[in-house]
């Protein structure tokens, strides 16, 4: 993760997020496909691959 070549996903549901995983992107498993799709309105830029 420190190199910027990996993204740590926390796919637990919001009710399970009492303790967040530091540096992770929280995305419930049921929404992962939408959040990862750059054409989706729910897309999170944190999941984009860095250029290069």
PDB file of N, CA and C in Angstrom:
ATOM      1  N   UNK A   1       0.816  -1.188   0.000  1.00  0.00           N
ATOM      2  CA  UNK A   1       0.000   0.000   0.000  1.00  0.00           C
ATOM      3  C   UNK A   1       0.862   1.255   0.000  1.00  0.00           C
ATOM      4  N   UNK A   2       1.948   1.226   0.709  1.00  0.00           N
ATOM      5  CA  UNK A   2       2.809   2.410   0.799  1.00  0.00           C
ATOM      6  C   UNK A   2       3.357   2.801  -0.564  1.00  0.00           C
ATOM      7  N   UNK A   3       3.515   1.844  -1.465  1.00  0.00           N
ATOM      8  CA  UNK A   3       4.046   2.140  -2.785  1.00  0.00           C
ATOM      9  C   UNK A   3       2.997   2.766  -3.702  1.00  0.00           C
ATOM     10  N   UNK A   4       1.733   2.716  -3.296  1.00  0.00           N
ATOM     11  CA  UNK A   4       0.667   3.247  -4.134  1.00  0.00           C
ATOM     12  C   UNK A   4       0.212   2.281  -5.200  1.00  0.00           C
ATOM     13  N   UNK A   5       0.674   1.044  -5.157  1.00  0.00           N
ATOM     14  CA  UNK A   5       0.320   0.048  -6.171  1.00  0.00           C
ATOM     15  C   UNK A   5      -0.800  -0.881  -5.717  1.00  0.00           C
ATOM     16  N   UNK A   6      -1.309  -0.685  -4.515  1.00  0.00           N
ATOM     17  CA  UNK A   6      -2.362  -1.546  -3.997  1.00  0.00           C
ATOM     18  C   UNK A   6      -3.411  -0.710  -3.276  1.00  0.00           C
ATOM     19  N   UNK A   7      -4.634  -1.213  -3.286  1.00  0.00           N
ATOM     20  CA  UNK A   7      -5.729  -0.586  -2.557  1.00  0.00           C
ATOM     21  C   UNK A   7      -6.282  -1.638  -1.614  1.00  0.00           C
ATOM     22  N   UNK A   8      -6.395  -1.301  -0.358  1.00  0.00           N
ATOM     23  CA  UNK A   8      -6.969  -2.203   0.625  1.00  0.00           C
ATOM     24  C   UNK A   8      -8.460  -1.905   0.733  1.00  0.00           C
ATOM     25  N   UNK A   9      -9.281  -2.899   0.431  1.00  0.00           N
ATOM     26  CA  UNK A   9     -10.726  -2.738   0.504  1.00  0.00           C
ATOM     27  C   UNK A   9     -11.261  -3.362   1.777  1.00  0.00           C
ATOM     28  N   UNK A  10     -12.139  -2.644   2.437  1.00  0.00           N
ATOM     29  CA  UNK A  10     -12.865  -3.158   3.585  1.00  0.00           C
ATOM     30  C   UNK A  10     -14.289  -3.377   3.087  1.00  0.00           C
ATOM     31  N   UNK A  11     -14.679  -4.623   2.849  1.00  0.00           N
ATOM     32  CA  UNK A  11     -15.971  -4.916   2.225  1.00  0.00           C
ATOM     33  C   UNK A  11     -17.053  -5.276   3.244  1.00  0.00           C
ATOM     34  N   UNK A  12     -16.806  -4.968   4.501  1.00  0.00           N
ATOM     35  CA  UNK A  12     -17.834  -5.204   5.516  1.00  0.00           C
ATOM     36  C   UNK A  12     -18.978  -4.210   5.333  1.00  0.00           C
ATOM     37  N   UNK A  13     -20.126  -4.541   5.885  1.00  0.00           N
ATOM     38  CA  UNK A  13     -21.279  -3.654   5.844  1.00  0.00           C
ATOM     39  C   UNK A  13     -21.072  -2.496   6.822  1.00  0.00           C
ATOM     40  N   UNK A  14     -21.724  -1.348   6.582  1.00  0.00           N
ATOM     41  CA  UNK A  14     -21.529  -0.184   7.453  1.00  0.00           C
ATOM     42  C   UNK A  14     -21.762  -0.478   8.940  1.00  0.00           C
ATOM     43  N   UNK A  15     -22.690  -1.339   9.276  1.00  0.00           N
ATOM     44  CA  UNK A  15     -22.944  -1.651  10.695  1.00  0.00           C
ATOM     45  C   UNK A  15     -21.769  -2.397  11.322  1.00  0.00           C
ATOM     46  N   UNK A  16     -20.878  -2.933  10.501  1.00  0.00           N
ATOM     47  CA  UNK A  16     -19.708  -3.654  10.992  1.00  0.00           C
ATOM     48  C   UNK A  16     -18.460  -2.770  11.062  1.00  0.00           C
ATOM     49  N   UNK A  17     -18.572  -1.506  10.701  1.00  0.00           N
ATOM     50  CA  UNK A  17     -17.422  -0.613  10.616  1.00  0.00           C
ATOM     51  C   UNK A  17     -17.118   0.105  11.925  1.00  0.00           C
ATOM     52  N   UNK A  18     -17.303  -0.550  13.039  1.00  0.00           N
ATOM     53  CA  UNK A  18     -17.006   0.088  14.322  1.00  0.00           C
ATOM     54  C   UNK A  18     -15.539   0.489  14.385  1.00  0.00           C
ATOM     55  N   UNK A  19     -14.666  -0.344  13.855  1.00  0.00           N
ATOM     56  CA  UNK A  19     -13.245  -0.034  13.782  1.00  0.00           C
ATOM     57  C   UNK A  19     -12.823  -0.125  12.323  1.00  0.00           C
ATOM     58  N   UNK A  20     -12.407   1.012  11.776  1.00  0.00           N
ATOM     59  CA  UNK A  20     -11.981   1.049  10.382  1.00  0.00           C
ATOM     60  C   UNK A  20     -10.560   0.525  10.240  1.00  0.00           C
ATOM     61  N   UNK A  21     -10.274  -0.052   9.107  1.00  0.00           N
ATOM     62  CA  UNK A  21      -8.925  -0.497   8.797  1.00  0.00           C
ATOM     63  C   UNK A  21      -8.195   0.723   8.238  1.00  0.00           C
ATOM     64  N   UNK A  22      -7.165   1.174   8.923  1.00  0.00           N
ATOM     65  CA  UNK A  22      -6.450   2.386   8.529  1.00  0.00           C
ATOM     66  C   UNK A  22      -5.951   2.274   7.084  1.00  0.00           C
ATOM     67  N   UNK A  23      -6.264   3.284   6.292  1.00  0.00           N
ATOM     68  CA  UNK A  23      -5.818   3.328   4.905  1.00  0.00           C
ATOM     69  C   UNK A  23      -6.705   2.574   3.936  1.00  0.00           C
ATOM     70  N   UNK A  24      -7.770   1.963   4.437  1.00  0.00           N
ATOM     71  CA  UNK A  24      -8.635   1.183   3.543  1.00  0.00           C
ATOM     72  C   UNK A  24      -9.737   2.046   2.951  1.00  0.00           C
ATOM     73  N   UNK A  25     -10.317   1.550   1.865  1.00  0.00           N
ATOM     74  CA  UNK A  25     -11.492   2.153   1.251  1.00  0.00           C
ATOM     75  C   UNK A  25     -12.664   1.270   1.664  1.00  0.00           C
ATOM     76  N   UNK A  26     -13.668   1.860   2.314  1.00  0.00           N
ATOM     77  CA  UNK A  26     -14.822   1.090   2.753  1.00  0.00           C
ATOM     78  C   UNK A  26     -15.859   1.027   1.644  1.00  0.00           C
ATOM     79  N   UNK A  27     -16.143  -0.208   1.195  1.00  0.00           N
ATOM     80  CA  UNK A  27     -17.127  -0.451   0.151  1.00  0.00           C
ATOM     81  C   UNK A  27     -17.870  -1.729   0.514  1.00  0.00           C
ATOM     82  N   UNK A  28     -19.167  -1.647   0.850  1.00  0.00           N
ATOM     83  CA  UNK A  28     -19.897  -2.877   1.127  1.00  0.00           C
ATOM     84  C   UNK A  28     -19.816  -3.830  -0.058  1.00  0.00           C
ATOM     85  N   UNK A  29     -19.666  -5.119   0.203  1.00  0.00           N
ATOM     86  CA  UNK A  29     -19.482  -6.111  -0.854  1.00  0.00           C
ATOM     87  C   UNK A  29     -20.579  -6.037  -1.914  1.00  0.00           C
ATOM     88  N   UNK A  30     -21.802  -5.788  -1.512  1.00  0.00           N
ATOM     89  CA  UNK A  30     -22.913  -5.726  -2.459  1.00  0.00           C
ATOM     90  C   UNK A  30     -22.836  -4.561  -3.426  1.00  0.00           C
ATOM     91  N   UNK A  31     -21.984  -3.584  -3.148  1.00  0.00           N
ATOM     92  CA  UNK A  31     -21.845  -2.405  -4.012  1.00  0.00           C
ATOM     93  C   UNK A  31     -20.517  -2.365  -4.755  1.00  0.00           C
ATOM     94  N   UNK A  32     -19.654  -3.345  -4.526  1.00  0.00           N
ATOM     95  CA  UNK A  32     -18.291  -3.298  -5.061  1.00  0.00           C
ATOM     96  C   UNK A  32     -18.246  -3.113  -6.571  1.00  0.00           C
ATOM     97  N   UNK A  33     -19.054  -3.851  -7.309  1.00  0.00           N
ATOM     98  CA  UNK A  33     -19.024  -3.739  -8.776  1.00  0.00           C
ATOM     99  C   UNK A  33     -19.387  -2.340  -9.247  1.00  0.00           C
ATOM    100  N   UNK A  34     -20.350  -1.703  -8.571  1.00  0.00           N
ATOM    101  CA  UNK A  34     -20.766  -0.353  -8.962  1.00  0.00           C
ATOM    102  C   UNK A  34     -19.699   0.680  -8.603  1.00  0.00           C
ATOM    103  N   UNK A  35     -19.118   0.528  -7.434  1.00  0.00           N
ATOM    104  CA  UNK A  35     -18.123   1.485  -6.956  1.00  0.00           C
ATOM    105  C   UNK A  35     -16.821   1.382  -7.752  1.00  0.00           C
ATOM    106  N   UNK A  36     -16.502   0.192  -8.231  1.00  0.00           N
ATOM    107  CA  UNK A  36     -15.275   0.000  -9.008  1.00  0.00           C
ATOM    108  C   UNK A  36     -15.431   0.396 -10.471  1.00  0.00           C
ATOM    109  N   UNK A  37     -16.658   0.477 -10.961  1.00  0.00           N
ATOM    110  CA  UNK A  37     -16.926   0.795 -12.375  1.00  0.00           C
ATOM    111  C   UNK A  37     -16.815   2.298 -12.615  1.00  0.00           C
ATOM    112  N   UNK A  38     -15.832   2.742 -13.402  1.00  0.00           N
ATOM    113  CA  UNK A  38     -15.660   4.179 -13.625  1.00  0.00           C
ATOM    114  C   UNK A  38     -16.828   4.844 -14.351  1.00  0.00           C
ATOM    115  N   UNK A  39     -17.724   4.070 -14.948  1.00  0.00           N
ATOM    116  CA  UNK A  39     -18.882   4.661 -15.629  1.00  0.00           C
ATOM    117  C   UNK A  39     -20.099   4.747 -14.716  1.00  0.00           C
ATOM    118  N   UNK A  40     -19.981   4.256 -13.492  1.00  0.00           N
ATOM    119  CA  UNK A  40     -21.095   4.250 -12.547  1.00  0.00           C
ATOM    120  C   UNK A  40     -21.159   5.558 -11.769  1.00  0.00           C
ATOM    121  N   UNK A  41     -22.362   5.981 -11.446  1.00  0.00           N
ATOM    122  CA  UNK A  41     -22.551   7.181 -10.623  1.00  0.00           C
ATOM    123  C   UNK A  41     -22.031   6.960  -9.200  1.00  0.00           C
ATOM    124  N   UNK A  42     -21.884   5.715  -8.775  1.00  0.00           N
ATOM    125  CA  UNK A  42     -21.395   5.395  -7.432  1.00  0.00           C
ATOM    126  C   UNK A  42     -19.877   5.177  -7.393  1.00  0.00           C
ATOM    127  N   UNK A  43     -19.204   5.388  -8.505  1.00  0.00           N
ATOM    128  CA  UNK A  43     -17.766   5.135  -8.613  1.00  0.00           C
ATOM    129  C   UNK A  43     -16.968   5.916  -7.572  1.00  0.00           C
ATOM    130  N   UNK A  44     -15.942   5.257  -7.008  1.00  0.00           N
ATOM    131  CA  UNK A  44     -15.008   5.911  -6.083  1.00  0.00           C
ATOM    132  C   UNK A  44     -13.653   5.992  -6.765  1.00  0.00           C
ATOM    133  N   UNK A  45     -13.147   7.194  -6.910  1.00  0.00           N
ATOM    134  CA  UNK A  45     -11.866   7.416  -7.582  1.00  0.00           C
ATOM    135  C   UNK A  45     -10.709   6.724  -6.862  1.00  0.00           C
ATOM    136  N   UNK A  46     -10.859   6.438  -5.561  1.00  0.00           N
ATOM    137  CA  UNK A  46      -9.802   5.764  -4.813  1.00  0.00           C
ATOM    138  C   UNK A  46      -9.494   4.378  -5.372  1.00  0.00           C
ATOM    139  N   UNK A  47     -10.407   3.836  -6.172  1.00  0.00           N
ATOM    140  CA  UNK A  47     -10.205   2.506  -6.750  1.00  0.00           C
ATOM    141  C   UNK A  47      -9.573   2.556  -8.151  1.00  0.00           C
ATOM    142  N   UNK A  48      -9.363   3.746  -8.674  1.00  0.00           N
ATOM    143  CA  UNK A  48      -8.722   3.874  -9.986  1.00  0.00           C
ATOM    144  C   UNK A  48      -7.246   3.485  -9.894  1.00  0.00           C
ATOM    145  N   UNK A  49      -6.752   2.883 -10.939  1.00  0.00           N
ATOM    146  CA  UNK A  49      -5.310   2.562 -10.992  1.00  0.00           C
ATOM    147  C   UNK A  49      -4.541   3.849 -11.237  1.00  0.00           C
ATOM    148  N   UNK A  50      -3.420   4.000 -10.552  1.00  0.00           N
ATOM    149  CA  UNK A  50      -2.598   5.184 -10.812  1.00  0.00           C
ATOM    150  C   UNK A  50      -2.002   5.115 -12.214  1.00  0.00           C
ATOM    151  N   UNK A  51      -1.824   6.250 -12.842  1.00  0.00           N
ATOM    152  CA  UNK A  51      -1.217   6.281 -14.180  1.00  0.00           C
ATOM    153  C   UNK A  51       0.220   5.801 -14.111  1.00  0.00           C
ATOM    154  N   UNK A  52       0.617   5.077 -15.146  1.00  0.00           N
ATOM    155  CA  UNK A  52       2.005   4.654 -15.214  1.00  0.00           C
ATOM    156  C   UNK A  52       2.206   3.237 -15.107  1.00  0.00           C
TER     157      UNK A  52
END
